[in-house]
Amino acid sequence: MSKEPPGHSSETAYQLETPQQHRDFYDDWAETYDSGFAQSKGYEYPQRIAEYFVTQVSQDQGPVMDIGCGTGLVGESLRQNGWSSGLDGVDISEGMLEVARAKGVYGRLFKEDLTKSDNLPKSFYGGLISAGTFTHGHLGPEVLLSVFALARAEAHAVIGINAQHFGNQNFEQAFWEWENNKIISQPKWTETEIYQASDGSETEKKMAMIADFRILVET
């Protein structure tokens, strides 16, 4: 089983600060990300988000945008779990997108910096999904709000947020404001573990919050 190259780990990724740092780090990690990190560390977060998504979101909600799709672990799991509707992905790293592209599960893949991008389809997607993007050193609630612009009214969103990052970045207040301003429906919250060992035991009690909600208006 492959191991992570020196300097590549989730802990290192959490310390990244600039878009260029993210781009360079993930470009360099892309080739071994699935085997050296996801498989060896029992990183089942993308699969758990995808499995939840297909139980809650109707196929006719498509197409779906995978926010921060990386190597396509979410998209791959969506297809394995029966999602047959349209699926696109966006990520900052071309290296990660090359790996995702080779899996053949996405219609379109976009290389974009979500902190400033205006180049993605607006008011187009009927579903949004994300795992591992809203976490330490990555994206906060202000970017999640901007992502809503990709969705048409009544789009169904299933967004994973690292539980510690959720508290540190005050996502709770942001969701309350969005709901109060009738931008989104009242979210349904589910906790999930991020890692699981090959023997089925939880390796680290690192948790994520799954936010399940509708985007009520085109923003």
N, C-alpha and C. Protein backbone atom coordinates (compact mmCIF):
# COMPACT_ATOMS: atom_id res chain seq x y z
N MET A 1 0.85 -1.20 0.00
CA MET A 1 0.00 0.00 0.00
C MET A 1 0.88 1.25 0.00
N SER A 2 0.57 2.22 -0.84
CA SER A 2 1.37 3.43 -0.93
C SER A 2 1.28 4.25 0.34
N LYS A 3 2.34 4.97 0.61
CA LYS A 3 2.35 5.88 1.74
C LYS A 3 2.36 7.31 1.24
N GLU A 4 1.96 8.22 2.13
CA GLU A 4 1.98 9.62 1.77
C GLU A 4 3.41 10.08 1.56
N PRO A 5 3.69 10.89 0.53
CA PRO A 5 5.02 11.45 0.40
C PRO A 5 5.33 12.37 1.56
N PRO A 6 6.63 12.58 1.87
CA PRO A 6 6.99 13.46 2.98
C PRO A 6 6.34 14.83 2.83
N GLY A 7 5.78 15.34 3.92
CA GLY A 7 5.18 16.67 3.90
C GLY A 7 3.75 16.70 3.45
N HIS A 8 3.20 15.57 3.03
CA HIS A 8 1.81 15.55 2.58
C HIS A 8 0.95 14.81 3.59
N SER A 9 0.05 15.54 4.20
CA SER A 9 -0.86 14.98 5.18
C SER A 9 -2.00 15.96 5.36
N SER A 10 -3.09 15.49 5.98
CA SER A 10 -4.20 16.40 6.25
C SER A 10 -3.77 17.51 7.20
N GLU A 11 -2.88 17.18 8.15
CA GLU A 11 -2.42 18.18 9.11
C GLU A 11 -1.66 19.31 8.40
N THR A 12 -0.82 18.93 7.42
CA THR A 12 -0.10 19.94 6.64
C THR A 12 -1.08 20.77 5.82
N ALA A 13 -2.06 20.10 5.22
CA ALA A 13 -3.05 20.80 4.40
C ALA A 13 -3.83 21.82 5.23
N TYR A 14 -4.10 21.50 6.49
CA TYR A 14 -4.84 22.40 7.36
C TYR A 14 -4.11 23.73 7.59
N GLN A 15 -2.79 23.74 7.36
CA GLN A 15 -1.99 24.93 7.63
C GLN A 15 -1.81 25.82 6.41
N LEU A 16 -2.33 25.43 5.28
CA LEU A 16 -2.20 26.23 4.07
C LEU A 16 -2.97 27.54 4.22
N GLU A 17 -2.44 28.60 3.60
CA GLU A 17 -3.05 29.91 3.79
C GLU A 17 -3.51 30.59 2.51
N THR A 18 -2.78 30.43 1.42
CA THR A 18 -3.10 31.15 0.19
C THR A 18 -3.58 30.21 -0.90
N PRO A 19 -4.35 30.72 -1.86
CA PRO A 19 -4.76 29.88 -2.98
C PRO A 19 -3.58 29.24 -3.71
N GLN A 20 -2.48 29.97 -3.88
CA GLN A 20 -1.33 29.40 -4.57
C GLN A 20 -0.72 28.26 -3.77
N GLN A 21 -0.68 28.39 -2.45
CA GLN A 21 -0.19 27.29 -1.62
C GLN A 21 -1.06 26.05 -1.79
N HIS A 22 -2.36 26.24 -1.82
CA HIS A 22 -3.28 25.11 -2.04
C HIS A 22 -3.04 24.47 -3.41
N ARG A 23 -2.91 25.31 -4.42
CA ARG A 23 -2.73 24.80 -5.78
C ARG A 23 -1.45 23.97 -5.88
N ASP A 24 -0.36 24.50 -5.37
CA ASP A 24 0.92 23.80 -5.45
C ASP A 24 0.91 22.52 -4.63
N PHE A 25 0.37 22.60 -3.42
CA PHE A 25 0.36 21.46 -2.51
C PHE A 25 -0.43 20.29 -3.10
N TYR A 26 -1.62 20.58 -3.60
CA TYR A 26 -2.46 19.51 -4.11
C TYR A 26 -2.02 19.03 -5.49
N ASP A 27 -1.43 19.90 -6.29
CA ASP A 27 -0.85 19.44 -7.55
C ASP A 27 0.22 18.39 -7.28
N ASP A 28 1.03 18.64 -6.26
CA ASP A 28 2.13 17.74 -5.93
C ASP A 28 1.65 16.44 -5.29
N TRP A 29 0.50 16.50 -4.62
CA TRP A 29 -0.03 15.36 -3.88
C TRP A 29 -0.93 14.47 -4.73
N ALA A 30 -1.39 14.99 -5.84
CA ALA A 30 -2.49 14.36 -6.59
C ALA A 30 -2.25 12.90 -6.93
N GLU A 31 -1.06 12.58 -7.41
CA GLU A 31 -0.79 11.24 -7.93
C GLU A 31 -0.94 10.16 -6.86
N THR A 32 -0.60 10.50 -5.62
CA THR A 32 -0.65 9.49 -4.54
C THR A 32 -1.76 9.75 -3.53
N TYR A 33 -2.62 10.71 -3.81
CA TYR A 33 -3.65 11.09 -2.83
C TYR A 33 -4.58 9.93 -2.49
N ASP A 34 -5.08 9.24 -3.49
CA ASP A 34 -6.06 8.19 -3.24
C ASP A 34 -5.44 7.02 -2.48
N SER A 35 -4.28 6.56 -2.92
CA SER A 35 -3.67 5.39 -2.28
C SER A 35 -2.87 5.77 -1.05
N GLY A 36 -2.12 6.87 -1.12
CA GLY A 36 -1.24 7.24 -0.02
C GLY A 36 -1.94 7.91 1.13
N PHE A 37 -3.11 8.47 0.89
CA PHE A 37 -3.87 9.12 1.97
C PHE A 37 -5.22 8.46 2.19
N ALA A 38 -6.08 8.52 1.19
CA ALA A 38 -7.47 8.08 1.39
C ALA A 38 -7.55 6.62 1.82
N GLN A 39 -6.87 5.75 1.10
CA GLN A 39 -6.95 4.32 1.44
C GLN A 39 -6.18 4.00 2.71
N SER A 40 -4.96 4.48 2.83
CA SER A 40 -4.13 4.10 3.97
C SER A 40 -4.64 4.70 5.28
N LYS A 41 -5.28 5.85 5.21
CA LYS A 41 -5.79 6.50 6.42
C LYS A 41 -7.25 6.17 6.72
N GLY A 42 -7.89 5.40 5.86
CA GLY A 42 -9.31 5.11 6.08
C GLY A 42 -10.18 6.34 5.95
N TYR A 43 -9.85 7.18 4.98
CA TYR A 43 -10.58 8.43 4.78
C TYR A 43 -11.88 8.14 4.05
N GLU A 44 -12.94 7.93 4.82
CA GLU A 44 -14.23 7.53 4.25
C GLU A 44 -15.25 8.67 4.19
N TYR A 45 -14.80 9.84 4.52
CA TYR A 45 -15.67 11.02 4.50
C TYR A 45 -16.36 11.22 3.15
N PRO A 46 -15.64 11.19 2.01
CA PRO A 46 -16.33 11.38 0.72
C PRO A 46 -17.41 10.33 0.47
N GLN A 47 -17.13 9.07 0.81
CA GLN A 47 -18.11 8.01 0.61
C GLN A 47 -19.33 8.24 1.49
N ARG A 48 -19.11 8.67 2.71
CA ARG A 48 -20.25 8.87 3.62
C ARG A 48 -21.13 10.03 3.17
N ILE A 49 -20.51 11.09 2.68
CA ILE A 49 -21.29 12.21 2.14
C ILE A 49 -22.09 11.75 0.92
N ALA A 50 -21.45 11.01 0.03
CA ALA A 50 -22.12 10.54 -1.18
C ALA A 50 -23.27 9.59 -0.85
N GLU A 51 -23.03 8.67 0.07
CA GLU A 51 -24.08 7.72 0.46
C GLU A 51 -25.27 8.45 1.07
N TYR A 52 -24.99 9.46 1.88
CA TYR A 52 -26.08 10.26 2.45
C TYR A 52 -26.83 10.98 1.33
N PHE A 53 -26.09 11.58 0.41
CA PHE A 53 -26.68 12.38 -0.67
C PHE A 53 -27.70 11.57 -1.47
N VAL A 54 -27.33 10.36 -1.87
CA VAL A 54 -28.23 9.59 -2.75
C VAL A 54 -29.49 9.13 -2.02
N THR A 55 -29.47 9.12 -0.69
CA THR A 55 -30.69 8.76 0.05
C THR A 55 -31.62 9.95 0.24
N GLN A 56 -31.12 11.16 0.03
CA GLN A 56 -31.90 12.36 0.33
C GLN A 56 -32.26 13.19 -0.90
N VAL A 57 -31.51 13.04 -1.99
CA VAL A 57 -31.67 13.92 -3.15
C VAL A 57 -32.19 13.12 -4.33
N SER A 58 -33.23 13.65 -4.95
CA SER A 58 -33.84 12.98 -6.11
C SER A 58 -32.97 13.14 -7.35
N GLN A 59 -32.97 12.10 -8.20
CA GLN A 59 -32.20 12.15 -9.45
C GLN A 59 -32.62 13.32 -10.33
N ASP A 60 -33.89 13.72 -10.25
CA ASP A 60 -34.33 14.81 -11.12
C ASP A 60 -33.86 16.18 -10.64
N GLN A 61 -33.13 16.22 -9.52
CA GLN A 61 -32.53 17.48 -9.06
C GLN A 61 -31.28 17.83 -9.87
N GLY A 62 -30.73 16.87 -10.62
CA GLY A 62 -29.49 17.11 -11.35
C GLY A 62 -29.62 18.25 -12.36
N PRO A 63 -28.50 18.75 -12.85
CA PRO A 63 -27.14 18.31 -12.56
C PRO A 63 -26.65 18.78 -11.19
N VAL A 64 -25.60 18.12 -10.71
CA VAL A 64 -25.02 18.39 -9.41
C VAL A 64 -23.60 18.91 -9.59
N MET A 65 -23.22 19.86 -8.74
CA MET A 65 -21.84 20.34 -8.70
C MET A 65 -21.16 19.83 -7.44
N ASP A 66 -20.00 19.18 -7.63
CA ASP A 66 -19.16 18.71 -6.53
C ASP A 66 -18.15 19.80 -6.22
N ILE A 67 -18.32 20.45 -5.07
CA ILE A 67 -17.50 21.60 -4.69
C ILE A 67 -16.20 21.12 -4.07
N GLY A 68 -15.06 21.47 -4.70
CA GLY A 68 -13.77 21.00 -4.22
C GLY A 68 -13.63 19.51 -4.45
N CYS A 69 -13.83 19.10 -5.69
CA CYS A 69 -13.95 17.67 -6.00
C CYS A 69 -12.66 16.89 -5.86
N GLY A 70 -11.51 17.56 -5.87
CA GLY A 70 -10.24 16.87 -5.71
C GLY A 70 -10.05 15.78 -6.74
N THR A 71 -9.68 14.59 -6.29
CA THR A 71 -9.45 13.46 -7.19
C THR A 71 -10.72 12.73 -7.58
N GLY A 72 -11.86 13.25 -7.18
CA GLY A 72 -13.13 12.66 -7.61
C GLY A 72 -13.66 11.56 -6.72
N LEU A 73 -13.24 11.54 -5.45
CA LEU A 73 -13.71 10.48 -4.55
C LEU A 73 -15.21 10.57 -4.31
N VAL A 74 -15.73 11.79 -4.19
CA VAL A 74 -17.18 11.95 -4.01
C VAL A 74 -17.92 11.50 -5.27
N GLY A 75 -17.47 11.97 -6.42
CA GLY A 75 -18.13 11.62 -7.67
C GLY A 75 -18.10 10.12 -7.94
N GLU A 76 -16.97 9.52 -7.67
CA GLU A 76 -16.83 8.07 -7.85
C GLU A 76 -17.81 7.33 -6.96
N SER A 77 -17.94 7.76 -5.71
CA SER A 77 -18.86 7.10 -4.79
C SER A 77 -20.31 7.37 -5.16
N LEU A 78 -20.62 8.56 -5.64
CA LEU A 78 -21.98 8.84 -6.10
C LEU A 78 -22.39 7.86 -7.20
N ARG A 79 -21.52 7.66 -8.17
CA ARG A 79 -21.83 6.75 -9.27
C ARG A 79 -21.96 5.32 -8.76
N GLN A 80 -21.09 4.91 -7.86
CA GLN A 80 -21.15 3.56 -7.31
C GLN A 80 -22.45 3.33 -6.53
N ASN A 81 -23.00 4.42 -5.99
CA ASN A 81 -24.24 4.31 -5.22
C ASN A 81 -25.48 4.64 -6.04
N GLY A 82 -25.34 4.65 -7.36
CA GLY A 82 -26.51 4.74 -8.22
C GLY A 82 -26.87 6.11 -8.74
N TRP A 83 -26.06 7.14 -8.47
CA TRP A 83 -26.38 8.46 -8.99
C TRP A 83 -26.08 8.48 -10.48
N SER A 84 -27.09 8.68 -11.29
CA SER A 84 -26.93 8.62 -12.75
C SER A 84 -27.18 9.95 -13.43
N SER A 85 -27.59 10.96 -12.68
CA SER A 85 -27.88 12.27 -13.26
C SER A 85 -26.57 13.02 -13.51
N GLY A 86 -26.68 14.20 -14.09
CA GLY A 86 -25.50 14.99 -14.44
C GLY A 86 -24.65 15.33 -13.23
N LEU A 87 -23.33 15.35 -13.42
CA LEU A 87 -22.40 15.60 -12.33
C LEU A 87 -21.18 16.34 -12.87
N ASP A 88 -20.93 17.54 -12.33
CA ASP A 88 -19.74 18.32 -12.64
C ASP A 88 -18.90 18.48 -11.38
N GLY A 89 -17.67 18.95 -11.55
CA GLY A 89 -16.81 19.17 -10.39
C GLY A 89 -15.97 20.41 -10.57
N VAL A 90 -15.54 20.99 -9.45
CA VAL A 90 -14.66 22.16 -9.48
C VAL A 90 -13.59 21.99 -8.42
N ASP A 91 -12.37 22.38 -8.76
CA ASP A 91 -11.27 22.31 -7.81
C ASP A 91 -10.20 23.32 -8.22
N ILE A 92 -9.37 23.70 -7.28
CA ILE A 92 -8.32 24.68 -7.56
C ILE A 92 -7.09 24.03 -8.19
N SER A 93 -6.95 22.71 -8.04
CA SER A 93 -5.74 22.00 -8.45
C SER A 93 -5.94 21.24 -9.75
N GLU A 94 -5.16 21.59 -10.76
CA GLU A 94 -5.23 20.87 -12.03
C GLU A 94 -4.74 19.44 -11.87
N GLY A 95 -3.75 19.23 -11.00
CA GLY A 95 -3.27 17.87 -10.75
C GLY A 95 -4.36 16.97 -10.20
N MET A 96 -5.13 17.46 -9.25
CA MET A 96 -6.23 16.68 -8.70
C MET A 96 -7.30 16.45 -9.76
N LEU A 97 -7.57 17.46 -10.57
CA LEU A 97 -8.58 17.33 -11.62
C LEU A 97 -8.17 16.30 -12.67
N GLU A 98 -6.89 16.19 -12.95
CA GLU A 98 -6.43 15.18 -13.90
C GLU A 98 -6.76 13.77 -13.41
N VAL A 99 -6.59 13.54 -12.12
CA VAL A 99 -6.93 12.24 -11.54
C VAL A 99 -8.44 12.03 -11.61
N ALA A 100 -9.21 13.07 -11.26
CA ALA A 100 -10.67 12.97 -11.32
C ALA A 100 -11.15 12.71 -12.74
N ARG A 101 -10.52 13.37 -13.69
CA ARG A 101 -10.93 13.23 -15.11
C ARG A 101 -10.75 11.80 -15.59
N ALA A 102 -9.68 11.16 -15.14
CA ALA A 102 -9.39 9.79 -15.58
C ALA A 102 -10.43 8.79 -15.06
N LYS A 103 -11.18 9.15 -14.02
CA LYS A 103 -12.19 8.24 -13.48
C LYS A 103 -13.46 8.21 -14.31
N GLY A 104 -13.64 9.22 -15.15
CA GLY A 104 -14.76 9.20 -16.09
C GLY A 104 -16.13 9.33 -15.46
N VAL A 105 -16.23 9.96 -14.29
CA VAL A 105 -17.53 10.05 -13.63
C VAL A 105 -18.15 11.44 -13.72
N TYR A 106 -17.38 12.42 -14.21
CA TYR A 106 -17.87 13.80 -14.29
C TYR A 106 -18.14 14.18 -15.74
N GLY A 107 -19.15 15.02 -15.94
CA GLY A 107 -19.39 15.58 -17.24
C GLY A 107 -18.38 16.67 -17.55
N ARG A 108 -18.34 17.70 -16.69
CA ARG A 108 -17.39 18.80 -16.87
C ARG A 108 -16.60 18.99 -15.57
N LEU A 109 -15.34 19.39 -15.73
CA LEU A 109 -14.50 19.71 -14.58
C LEU A 109 -13.92 21.11 -14.78
N PHE A 110 -14.00 21.91 -13.73
CA PHE A 110 -13.57 23.30 -13.80
C PHE A 110 -12.41 23.53 -12.84
N LYS A 111 -11.34 24.16 -13.34
CA LYS A 111 -10.25 24.59 -12.48
C LYS A 111 -10.52 26.03 -12.07
N GLU A 112 -10.89 26.23 -10.81
CA GLU A 112 -11.26 27.57 -10.35
C GLU A 112 -10.86 27.77 -8.89
N ASP A 113 -10.52 29.00 -8.56
CA ASP A 113 -10.33 29.43 -7.18
C ASP A 113 -11.68 29.97 -6.70
N LEU A 114 -12.32 29.24 -5.81
CA LEU A 114 -13.68 29.60 -5.38
C LEU A 114 -13.74 30.90 -4.57
N THR A 115 -12.60 31.40 -4.13
CA THR A 115 -12.61 32.65 -3.37
C THR A 115 -12.80 33.87 -4.27
N LYS A 116 -12.66 33.66 -5.59
CA LYS A 116 -12.78 34.83 -6.47
C LYS A 116 -13.33 34.51 -7.85
N SER A 117 -13.79 33.30 -8.07
CA SER A 117 -14.19 32.89 -9.41
C SER A 117 -15.56 33.43 -9.81
N ASP A 118 -15.62 33.91 -11.05
CA ASP A 118 -16.90 34.29 -11.66
C ASP A 118 -17.13 33.50 -12.95
N ASN A 119 -16.37 32.42 -13.13
CA ASN A 119 -16.37 31.72 -14.41
C ASN A 119 -17.20 30.43 -14.41
N LEU A 120 -17.93 30.18 -13.34
CA LEU A 120 -18.73 28.95 -13.26
C LEU A 120 -20.17 29.24 -13.65
N PRO A 121 -20.90 28.21 -14.11
CA PRO A 121 -22.31 28.42 -14.50
C PRO A 121 -23.15 28.93 -13.33
N LYS A 122 -23.92 29.96 -13.55
CA LYS A 122 -24.75 30.55 -12.50
C LYS A 122 -26.20 30.06 -12.62
N SER A 123 -26.82 29.88 -11.46
CA SER A 123 -28.23 29.49 -11.39
C SER A 123 -28.52 28.26 -12.25
N PHE A 124 -27.61 27.29 -12.21
CA PHE A 124 -27.67 26.15 -13.13
C PHE A 124 -27.90 24.82 -12.42
N TYR A 125 -27.27 24.61 -11.28
CA TYR A 125 -27.26 23.29 -10.66
C TYR A 125 -28.46 23.08 -9.73
N GLY A 126 -28.99 21.87 -9.78
CA GLY A 126 -30.09 21.50 -8.90
C GLY A 126 -29.63 20.81 -7.63
N GLY A 127 -28.32 20.55 -7.54
CA GLY A 127 -27.76 19.93 -6.35
C GLY A 127 -26.32 20.38 -6.16
N LEU A 128 -25.93 20.55 -4.90
CA LEU A 128 -24.54 20.84 -4.54
C LEU A 128 -24.10 19.82 -3.51
N ILE A 129 -22.85 19.36 -3.63
CA ILE A 129 -22.31 18.39 -2.68
C ILE A 129 -20.86 18.76 -2.42
N SER A 130 -20.39 18.49 -1.19
CA SER A 130 -19.00 18.79 -0.88
C SER A 130 -18.55 17.98 0.32
N ALA A 131 -17.31 17.47 0.25
CA ALA A 131 -16.67 16.80 1.38
C ALA A 131 -15.20 17.17 1.41
N GLY A 132 -14.72 17.68 2.53
CA GLY A 132 -13.31 17.97 2.70
C GLY A 132 -12.87 19.33 2.24
N THR A 133 -13.78 20.15 1.79
CA THR A 133 -13.44 21.49 1.29
C THR A 133 -13.64 22.57 2.35
N PHE A 134 -14.66 22.41 3.16
CA PHE A 134 -14.92 23.37 4.22
C PHE A 134 -14.30 22.82 5.51
N THR A 135 -12.99 23.11 5.65
CA THR A 135 -12.21 22.55 6.75
C THR A 135 -11.05 23.49 7.06
N HIS A 136 -10.25 23.15 8.05
CA HIS A 136 -9.12 23.98 8.47
C HIS A 136 -8.24 24.35 7.29
N GLY A 137 -7.86 25.61 7.21
CA GLY A 137 -6.95 26.06 6.18
C GLY A 137 -7.55 26.13 4.80
N HIS A 138 -8.85 25.86 4.70
CA HIS A 138 -9.51 25.84 3.39
C HIS A 138 -10.58 26.94 3.33
N LEU A 139 -11.84 26.59 3.15
CA LEU A 139 -12.85 27.60 2.88
C LEU A 139 -13.83 27.77 4.04
N GLY A 140 -14.27 29.01 4.22
CA GLY A 140 -15.19 29.35 5.29
C GLY A 140 -16.59 29.65 4.79
N PRO A 141 -17.46 30.17 5.68
CA PRO A 141 -18.87 30.38 5.31
C PRO A 141 -19.07 31.42 4.21
N GLU A 142 -18.18 32.40 4.11
CA GLU A 142 -18.36 33.42 3.08
C GLU A 142 -18.23 32.82 1.68
N VAL A 143 -17.37 31.81 1.53
CA VAL A 143 -17.24 31.16 0.23
C VAL A 143 -18.43 30.24 -0.02
N LEU A 144 -18.89 29.56 1.01
CA LEU A 144 -20.08 28.72 0.85
C LEU A 144 -21.25 29.57 0.37
N LEU A 145 -21.43 30.74 0.94
CA LEU A 145 -22.51 31.62 0.49
C LEU A 145 -22.35 31.98 -0.98
N SER A 146 -21.13 32.27 -1.40
CA SER A 146 -20.91 32.63 -2.81
C SER A 146 -21.19 31.46 -3.74
N VAL A 147 -20.99 30.24 -3.25
CA VAL A 147 -21.24 29.04 -4.06
C VAL A 147 -22.73 28.87 -4.36
N PHE A 148 -23.58 29.41 -3.50
CA PHE A 148 -25.02 29.32 -3.72
C PHE A 148 -25.41 29.90 -5.08
N ALA A 149 -24.60 30.82 -5.61
CA ALA A 149 -24.91 31.44 -6.90
C ALA A 149 -24.90 30.44 -8.05
N LEU A 150 -24.26 29.28 -7.84
CA LEU A 150 -24.24 28.25 -8.88
C LEU A 150 -25.56 27.52 -8.98
N ALA A 151 -26.37 27.62 -7.95
CA ALA A 151 -27.58 26.80 -7.85
C ALA A 151 -28.82 27.55 -8.31
N ARG A 152 -29.74 26.79 -8.90
CA ARG A 152 -31.05 27.35 -9.20
C ARG A 152 -31.92 27.28 -7.94
N ALA A 153 -33.02 28.01 -7.96
CA ALA A 153 -33.92 28.01 -6.81
C ALA A 153 -34.41 26.61 -6.52
N GLU A 154 -34.47 26.26 -5.23
CA GLU A 154 -34.89 24.96 -4.72
C GLU A 154 -33.85 23.87 -4.94
N ALA A 155 -32.62 24.26 -5.24
CA ALA A 155 -31.54 23.28 -5.31
C ALA A 155 -31.34 22.63 -3.95
N HIS A 156 -30.94 21.38 -3.96
CA HIS A 156 -30.74 20.58 -2.74
C HIS A 156 -29.24 20.48 -2.49
N ALA A 157 -28.79 20.96 -1.33
CA ALA A 157 -27.38 20.97 -0.99
C ALA A 157 -27.08 20.02 0.16
N VAL A 158 -25.99 19.28 0.03
CA VAL A 158 -25.49 18.42 1.10
C VAL A 158 -24.00 18.77 1.25
N ILE A 159 -23.68 19.50 2.30
CA ILE A 159 -22.35 20.08 2.46
C ILE A 159 -21.71 19.57 3.75
N GLY A 160 -20.55 18.94 3.62
CA GLY A 160 -19.81 18.49 4.79
C GLY A 160 -18.90 19.59 5.30
N ILE A 161 -18.89 19.79 6.61
CA ILE A 161 -18.06 20.82 7.25
C ILE A 161 -17.34 20.19 8.44
N ASN A 162 -16.02 20.27 8.46
CA ASN A 162 -15.26 19.78 9.60
C ASN A 162 -15.83 20.37 10.88
N ALA A 163 -16.10 19.54 11.87
CA ALA A 163 -16.81 19.98 13.07
C ALA A 163 -16.06 21.06 13.84
N GLN A 164 -14.74 20.93 13.95
CA GLN A 164 -13.97 21.95 14.66
C GLN A 164 -13.93 23.24 13.87
N HIS A 165 -13.78 23.13 12.57
CA HIS A 165 -13.80 24.30 11.68
C HIS A 165 -15.16 24.97 11.74
N PHE A 166 -16.21 24.18 11.85
CA PHE A 166 -17.58 24.70 11.97
C PHE A 166 -17.67 25.68 13.13
N GLY A 167 -17.09 25.31 14.28
CA GLY A 167 -17.11 26.19 15.44
C GLY A 167 -16.17 27.37 15.31
N ASN A 168 -14.97 27.10 14.83
CA ASN A 168 -13.96 28.16 14.73
C ASN A 168 -14.36 29.26 13.77
N GLN A 169 -15.05 28.90 12.70
CA GLN A 169 -15.43 29.87 11.66
C GLN A 169 -16.86 30.37 11.82
N ASN A 170 -17.51 29.98 12.90
CA ASN A 170 -18.86 30.47 13.21
C ASN A 170 -19.87 30.17 12.09
N PHE A 171 -19.80 28.95 11.58
CA PHE A 171 -20.78 28.52 10.59
C PHE A 171 -22.21 28.53 11.15
N GLU A 172 -22.35 28.24 12.43
CA GLU A 172 -23.70 28.22 13.01
C GLU A 172 -24.40 29.56 12.84
N GLN A 173 -23.69 30.64 13.11
CA GLN A 173 -24.27 31.98 12.95
C GLN A 173 -24.59 32.25 11.49
N ALA A 174 -23.68 31.85 10.60
CA ALA A 174 -23.91 32.08 9.17
C ALA A 174 -25.15 31.34 8.69
N PHE A 175 -25.30 30.08 9.09
CA PHE A 175 -26.50 29.32 8.67
C PHE A 175 -27.77 29.94 9.24
N TRP A 176 -27.70 30.43 10.48
CA TRP A 176 -28.87 31.07 11.09
C TRP A 176 -29.26 32.31 10.28
N GLU A 177 -28.28 33.11 9.89
CA GLU A 177 -28.56 34.31 9.11
C GLU A 177 -29.14 33.97 7.75
N TRP A 178 -28.58 32.95 7.08
CA TRP A 178 -29.09 32.56 5.76
C TRP A 178 -30.52 32.05 5.86
N GLU A 179 -30.79 31.29 6.90
CA GLU A 179 -32.16 30.79 7.08
C GLU A 179 -33.09 31.95 7.43
N ASN A 180 -32.66 32.83 8.32
CA ASN A 180 -33.48 33.95 8.73
C ASN A 180 -33.80 34.89 7.57
N ASN A 181 -32.85 35.00 6.63
CA ASN A 181 -33.04 35.85 5.46
C ASN A 181 -33.68 35.11 4.29
N LYS A 182 -34.12 33.88 4.57
CA LYS A 182 -34.83 33.06 3.60
C LYS A 182 -34.01 32.78 2.34
N ILE A 183 -32.69 32.69 2.54
CA ILE A 183 -31.81 32.25 1.46
C ILE A 183 -31.82 30.73 1.36
N ILE A 184 -31.89 30.08 2.54
CA ILE A 184 -31.92 28.62 2.59
C ILE A 184 -33.05 28.16 3.50
N SER A 185 -33.41 26.90 3.35
CA SER A 185 -34.37 26.29 4.26
C SER A 185 -33.68 25.95 5.59
N GLN A 186 -34.45 25.56 6.58
CA GLN A 186 -33.85 25.13 7.83
C GLN A 186 -33.00 23.89 7.59
N PRO A 187 -31.71 23.92 7.93
CA PRO A 187 -30.85 22.76 7.66
C PRO A 187 -31.19 21.58 8.56
N LYS A 188 -30.98 20.41 8.02
CA LYS A 188 -31.00 19.18 8.81
C LYS A 188 -29.55 18.79 9.02
N TRP A 189 -29.19 18.53 10.28
CA TRP A 189 -27.79 18.27 10.62
C TRP A 189 -27.57 16.81 10.96
N THR A 190 -26.47 16.26 10.45
CA THR A 190 -26.07 14.90 10.76
C THR A 190 -24.56 14.90 11.02
N GLU A 191 -24.13 14.20 12.05
CA GLU A 191 -22.70 14.06 12.32
C GLU A 191 -22.17 12.79 11.65
N THR A 192 -20.94 12.84 11.20
CA THR A 192 -20.31 11.65 10.65
C THR A 192 -18.84 11.65 10.99
N GLU A 193 -18.26 10.45 11.15
CA GLU A 193 -16.83 10.33 11.34
C GLU A 193 -16.13 10.51 10.00
N ILE A 194 -14.91 11.02 10.06
CA ILE A 194 -14.14 11.28 8.84
C ILE A 194 -13.28 10.09 8.45
N TYR A 195 -12.76 9.37 9.44
CA TYR A 195 -11.83 8.26 9.18
C TYR A 195 -12.37 6.96 9.74
N GLN A 196 -11.99 5.86 9.10
CA GLN A 196 -12.29 4.54 9.62
C GLN A 196 -11.18 3.58 9.21
N ALA A 197 -10.74 2.76 10.15
CA ALA A 197 -9.67 1.81 9.89
C ALA A 197 -10.19 0.65 9.04
N SER A 198 -9.25 -0.09 8.44
CA SER A 198 -9.63 -1.21 7.58
C SER A 198 -10.36 -2.31 8.33
N ASP A 199 -10.16 -2.40 9.65
CA ASP A 199 -10.86 -3.42 10.43
C ASP A 199 -12.25 -2.97 10.87
N GLY A 200 -12.65 -1.77 10.43
CA GLY A 200 -13.99 -1.28 10.74
C GLY A 200 -14.07 -0.39 11.95
N SER A 201 -12.98 -0.28 12.71
CA SER A 201 -13.00 0.59 13.89
C SER A 201 -12.69 2.02 13.49
N GLU A 202 -13.19 2.94 14.27
CA GLU A 202 -12.89 4.34 14.01
C GLU A 202 -11.46 4.63 14.45
N THR A 203 -10.64 5.18 13.55
CA THR A 203 -9.24 5.42 13.87
C THR A 203 -9.04 6.71 14.65
N GLU A 204 -9.74 7.74 14.28
CA GLU A 204 -9.61 9.02 14.94
C GLU A 204 -11.01 9.62 15.05
N LYS A 205 -11.31 10.15 16.21
CA LYS A 205 -12.64 10.73 16.38
C LYS A 205 -12.66 12.15 15.84
N LYS A 206 -12.34 12.27 14.56
CA LYS A 206 -12.47 13.54 13.87
C LYS A 206 -13.82 13.53 13.19
N MET A 207 -14.61 14.52 13.50
CA MET A 207 -16.00 14.53 13.08
C MET A 207 -16.26 15.63 12.05
N ALA A 208 -17.30 15.41 11.28
CA ALA A 208 -17.79 16.43 10.36
C ALA A 208 -19.29 16.58 10.55
N MET A 209 -19.77 17.77 10.26
CA MET A 209 -21.20 18.05 10.25
C MET A 209 -21.68 18.03 8.81
N ILE A 210 -22.75 17.30 8.56
CA ILE A 210 -23.38 17.31 7.24
C ILE A 210 -24.58 18.24 7.31
N ALA A 211 -24.54 19.30 6.51
CA ALA A 211 -25.67 20.23 6.40
C ALA A 211 -26.50 19.86 5.18
N ASP A 212 -27.77 19.59 5.40
CA ASP A 212 -28.71 19.18 4.35
C ASP A 212 -29.79 20.25 4.28
N PHE A 213 -29.85 20.98 3.16
CA PHE A 213 -30.79 22.11 3.07
C PHE A 213 -31.12 22.43 1.63
N ARG A 214 -32.11 23.26 1.44
CA ARG A 214 -32.49 23.76 0.13
C ARG A 214 -32.03 25.21 -0.01
N ILE A 215 -31.59 25.57 -1.20
CA ILE A 215 -31.30 26.97 -1.53
C ILE A 215 -32.56 27.54 -2.12
N LEU A 216 -33.19 28.45 -1.40
CA LEU A 216 -34.56 28.85 -1.73
C LEU A 216 -34.66 29.84 -2.89
N VAL A 217 -33.61 30.66 -3.05
CA VAL A 217 -33.67 31.68 -4.09
C VAL A 217 -32.37 31.67 -4.87
N GLU A 218 -32.41 32.16 -6.08
CA GLU A 218 -31.19 32.34 -6.85
C GLU A 218 -30.47 33.58 -6.33
N THR A 219 -29.20 33.41 -5.93
CA THR A 219 -28.48 34.52 -5.29
C THR A 219 -27.56 35.24 -6.27
